[in-house]
Amino acid sequence: MDIVNPALDDYLLDHANPAADDVLRDLAAETRQALPEQRSMQISQDEGAFLTLLVRLTGARQAVEVGTFTGYSAICIARGLPDDGRLIACDVSEEWTSVARRYWARAGLTDRIDLRIAPAADTLRALPREETIDFAFIDADKVGYPVYYEELITRLRPGGVIVLDNVLRGGRVVDPAAQEPADIAIREINDIVTADERADSVLLPMRDGVTVIRKR
């Protein structure tokens, strides 16, 4: 689904700030080449810049990512953190995150990212229940979104931010014929977030849909 005229795509990427550097460009290229069938799981350059900006705007020190893949979004989030900030990155794939580890080292971010290989729901439930998380990004299996959101919103500090990716499902959210489990789960989480009195939110038509949620 092209939310924005495809002819504008290069223009949008050229005006994303901070722009992708050699680390992110090389990581994106390796992911496309090595994992062609999964490459759509990697966020775009402008979305990465958006994450870095949001992390800096919130003054985040403690961040969580659900769904790391080859590590592009983790780099963008970690770069927005202060030197003593920390990102917990949740994933289940040793193969994909082995690529991530190489690029985190190249970016000088290894000491800022704590990779945890386990089902994300288990990792999140094991975290302290205090409201200490400043920023979270969810970009993983769509069926898990409602669980991930609930575990994170209860641990998010007031004023903290959660970002959900792929909330339009390529337009399938408005297609009655789209009834895959992931389609149903995304409609569910979109409705949950909209009705959640604990937070304010906006669904943005960026790439495949990005929802930004701020805890009250």
Protein backbone atom coordinates (compact mmCIF):
# COMPACT_ATOMS: atom_id res chain seq x y z
CA MET A 1 0.00 0.00 0.00
CA ASP A 2 1.39 3.37 -1.03
CA ILE A 3 0.15 5.89 1.53
CA VAL A 4 2.33 8.56 -0.04
CA ASN A 5 2.90 9.02 -3.76
CA PRO A 6 5.85 6.68 -4.55
CA ALA A 7 7.44 9.50 -6.53
CA LEU A 8 7.95 11.33 -3.24
CA ASP A 9 9.79 8.46 -1.56
CA ASP A 10 13.32 9.54 -2.44
CA TYR A 11 12.48 13.10 -1.41
CA LEU A 12 11.26 11.89 1.99
CA LEU A 13 14.38 9.83 2.55
CA ASP A 14 16.65 12.68 1.48
CA HIS A 15 15.05 14.90 4.11
CA ALA A 16 15.12 12.43 7.01
CA ASN A 17 17.38 13.83 9.71
CA PRO A 18 19.54 12.23 10.97
CA ALA A 19 20.25 10.61 7.63
CA ALA A 20 21.42 7.01 7.43
CA ASP A 21 25.19 6.66 7.73
CA ASP A 22 27.47 3.89 6.46
CA VAL A 23 26.56 1.57 9.34
CA LEU A 24 22.82 1.73 8.65
CA ARG A 25 23.26 1.67 4.87
CA ASP A 26 25.49 -1.40 5.04
CA LEU A 27 23.14 -3.13 7.48
CA ALA A 28 20.15 -2.48 5.24
CA ALA A 29 22.06 -3.75 2.21
CA GLU A 30 23.21 -6.92 3.96
CA THR A 31 19.69 -7.62 5.21
CA ARG A 32 18.24 -7.20 1.70
CA GLN A 33 20.84 -9.52 0.22
CA ALA A 34 20.96 -12.20 2.91
CA LEU A 35 17.27 -12.24 3.86
CA PRO A 36 15.33 -11.17 0.76
CA GLU A 37 12.07 -12.77 1.91
CA GLN A 38 12.21 -11.08 5.33
CA ARG A 39 13.65 -7.71 4.32
CA SER A 40 10.26 -5.99 4.69
CA MET A 41 10.63 -6.63 8.44
CA GLN A 42 13.32 -3.94 8.56
CA ILE A 43 12.16 -0.39 9.19
CA SER A 44 12.90 2.33 6.67
CA GLN A 45 15.46 5.10 6.96
CA ASP A 46 12.89 7.79 7.71
CA GLU A 47 11.18 5.68 10.35
CA GLY A 48 14.55 5.09 11.95
CA ALA A 49 15.18 8.82 12.06
CA PHE A 50 11.71 9.25 13.57
CA LEU A 51 12.52 6.79 16.37
CA THR A 52 15.81 8.55 17.17
CA LEU A 53 14.01 11.88 17.32
CA LEU A 54 11.26 10.55 19.61
CA VAL A 55 13.79 9.00 21.98
CA ARG A 56 15.63 12.31 22.24
CA LEU A 57 12.41 14.31 22.66
CA THR A 58 11.28 12.13 25.56
CA GLY A 59 14.69 12.30 27.23
CA ALA A 60 14.56 8.53 27.49
CA ARG A 61 17.18 6.61 29.45
CA GLN A 62 15.45 3.23 29.71
CA ALA A 63 14.07 1.77 26.47
CA VAL A 64 12.62 -1.55 25.34
CA GLU A 65 12.31 -2.96 21.84
CA VAL A 66 10.10 -5.92 21.00
CA GLY A 67 11.27 -7.41 17.70
CA THR A 68 14.90 -6.71 16.84
CA PHE A 69 15.46 -8.62 13.58
CA THR A 70 18.90 -7.57 12.23
CA GLY A 71 19.22 -4.58 14.53
CA TYR A 72 18.44 -1.48 12.44
CA SER A 73 15.77 -0.07 14.75
CA ALA A 74 17.85 -0.88 17.82
CA ILE A 75 20.68 1.26 16.48
CA CYS A 76 18.27 4.13 15.86
CA ILE A 77 16.80 3.89 19.36
CA ALA A 78 20.15 3.44 21.11
CA ARG A 79 21.63 6.44 19.33
CA GLY A 80 18.89 8.59 20.84
CA LEU A 81 19.76 7.50 24.38
CA PRO A 82 22.37 9.22 26.56
CA ASP A 83 25.70 7.48 27.16
CA ASP A 84 24.35 5.82 30.31
CA GLY A 85 21.05 4.85 28.66
CA ARG A 86 20.05 1.25 28.12
CA LEU A 87 17.94 -0.56 25.54
CA ILE A 88 16.53 -4.02 26.22
CA ALA A 89 16.13 -5.70 22.84
CA CYS A 90 13.76 -8.68 22.72
CA ASP A 91 13.90 -11.32 19.99
CA VAL A 92 13.78 -15.09 19.52
CA SER A 93 16.23 -15.49 16.63
CA GLU A 94 19.90 -16.08 17.26
CA GLU A 95 20.47 -16.09 13.49
CA TRP A 96 19.02 -12.67 12.76
CA THR A 97 20.39 -11.01 15.88
CA SER A 98 23.88 -12.31 15.13
CA VAL A 99 23.84 -9.81 12.28
CA ALA A 100 22.59 -7.17 14.70
CA ARG A 101 25.43 -7.78 17.13
CA ARG A 102 28.05 -7.15 14.46
CA TYR A 103 26.53 -3.84 13.49
CA TRP A 104 25.96 -2.75 17.08
CA ALA A 105 29.66 -3.29 17.69
CA ARG A 106 30.53 -1.34 14.56
CA ALA A 107 28.27 1.51 15.73
CA GLY A 108 29.89 1.50 19.18
CA LEU A 109 26.60 0.65 20.88
CA THR A 110 27.23 -2.81 22.32
CA ASP A 111 27.36 -1.53 25.90
CA ARG A 112 24.05 0.30 25.43
CA ILE A 113 22.00 -2.66 24.12
CA ASP A 114 20.97 -5.67 26.24
CA LEU A 115 19.80 -8.41 23.86
CA ARG A 116 17.50 -11.00 25.41
CA ILE A 117 16.75 -14.10 23.35
CA ALA A 118 13.44 -15.48 24.60
CA PRO A 119 9.72 -15.07 23.90
CA ALA A 120 9.14 -11.34 24.38
CA ALA A 121 6.10 -11.87 26.62
CA ASP A 122 8.28 -13.80 29.05
CA THR A 123 11.01 -11.16 28.97
CA LEU A 124 8.54 -8.34 29.59
CA ARG A 125 6.73 -10.15 32.40
CA ALA A 126 10.06 -10.69 34.14
CA LEU A 127 10.79 -6.96 34.25
CA PRO A 128 10.10 -5.01 37.45
CA ARG A 129 6.55 -3.70 37.59
CA GLU A 130 7.65 -0.19 38.55
CA GLU A 131 6.98 2.60 36.05
CA THR A 132 10.58 2.98 34.91
CA ILE A 133 10.47 2.51 31.13
CA ASP A 134 10.74 5.76 29.17
CA PHE A 135 10.36 4.50 25.60
CA ALA A 136 9.26 1.30 23.88
CA PHE A 137 9.02 0.16 20.27
CA ILE A 138 6.90 -2.82 19.23
CA ASP A 139 7.59 -4.35 15.81
CA ALA A 140 7.21 -8.10 16.17
CA ASP A 141 4.63 -10.84 15.63
CA LYS A 142 1.32 -9.04 15.29
CA VAL A 143 -0.68 -11.58 17.30
CA GLY A 144 1.44 -10.68 20.31
CA TYR A 145 0.83 -6.93 20.13
CA PRO A 146 -2.02 -6.79 22.69
CA VAL A 147 0.07 -8.68 25.26
CA TYR A 148 3.24 -6.67 24.58
CA TYR A 149 1.34 -3.40 24.84
CA GLU A 150 -0.28 -4.26 28.17
CA GLU A 151 2.98 -5.45 29.71
CA LEU A 152 4.75 -2.27 28.60
CA ILE A 153 2.09 0.34 29.37
CA THR A 154 1.95 -0.80 33.00
CA ARG A 155 5.73 -0.34 33.28
CA LEU A 156 5.90 2.93 31.34
CA ARG A 157 6.48 6.12 33.32
CA PRO A 158 3.95 8.95 32.98
CA GLY A 159 5.01 10.92 29.91
CA GLY A 160 6.73 7.86 28.46
CA VAL A 161 6.12 6.80 24.87
CA ILE A 162 5.29 3.53 23.11
CA VAL A 163 5.51 3.24 19.32
CA LEU A 164 3.66 0.48 17.43
CA ASP A 165 4.67 -0.41 13.88
CA ASN A 166 2.64 -1.92 11.00
CA VAL A 167 -0.71 -0.86 12.42
CA LEU A 168 -2.29 -0.57 8.96
CA ARG A 169 -1.24 -4.02 7.73
CA GLY A 170 -0.90 -2.84 4.15
CA GLY A 171 -4.47 -1.56 4.24
CA ARG A 172 -5.87 -4.86 5.48
CA VAL A 173 -7.24 -3.22 8.64
CA VAL A 174 -10.12 -1.80 6.58
CA ASP A 175 -10.64 -4.89 4.43
CA PRO A 176 -13.47 -7.07 5.84
CA ALA A 177 -12.10 -10.04 3.90
CA ALA A 178 -8.76 -9.83 5.72
CA GLN A 179 -9.23 -12.27 8.58
CA GLU A 180 -5.78 -13.69 9.22
CA PRO A 181 -4.86 -13.86 12.92
CA ALA A 182 -2.43 -10.96 12.44
CA ASP A 183 -5.15 -8.83 10.83
CA ILE A 184 -7.52 -9.50 13.73
CA ALA A 185 -4.79 -8.78 16.30
CA ILE A 186 -3.88 -5.43 14.73
CA ARG A 187 -7.51 -4.33 14.63
CA GLU A 188 -7.76 -5.38 18.28
CA ILE A 189 -4.69 -3.43 19.41
CA ASN A 190 -5.75 -0.36 17.43
CA ASP A 191 -9.09 -0.40 19.24
CA ILE A 192 -7.45 -1.06 22.62
CA VAL A 193 -5.07 1.88 22.25
CA THR A 194 -7.80 4.25 21.09
CA ALA A 195 -9.99 3.39 24.09
CA ASP A 196 -7.18 3.29 26.67
CA GLU A 197 -7.82 6.02 29.25
CA ARG A 198 -4.25 5.66 30.50
CA ALA A 199 -2.80 7.17 27.35
CA ASP A 200 -3.10 9.61 24.48
CA SER A 201 -2.31 8.35 21.00
CA VAL A 202 -2.21 9.15 17.31
CA LEU A 203 -2.05 6.73 14.38
CA LEU A 204 0.16 8.19 11.67
CA PRO A 205 0.04 7.20 7.99
CA MET A 206 3.80 6.67 7.92
CA ARG A 207 5.00 3.70 5.88
CA ASP A 208 2.75 0.83 7.03
CA GLY A 209 1.22 2.84 9.84
CA VAL A 210 2.86 3.96 13.08
CA THR A 211 0.98 4.65 16.32
CA VAL A 212 2.61 6.94 18.91
CA ILE A 213 1.25 6.53 22.44
CA ARG A 214 2.03 8.78 25.42
CA LYS A 215 1.14 7.61 28.91
CA ARG A 216 -0.82 10.16 30.92
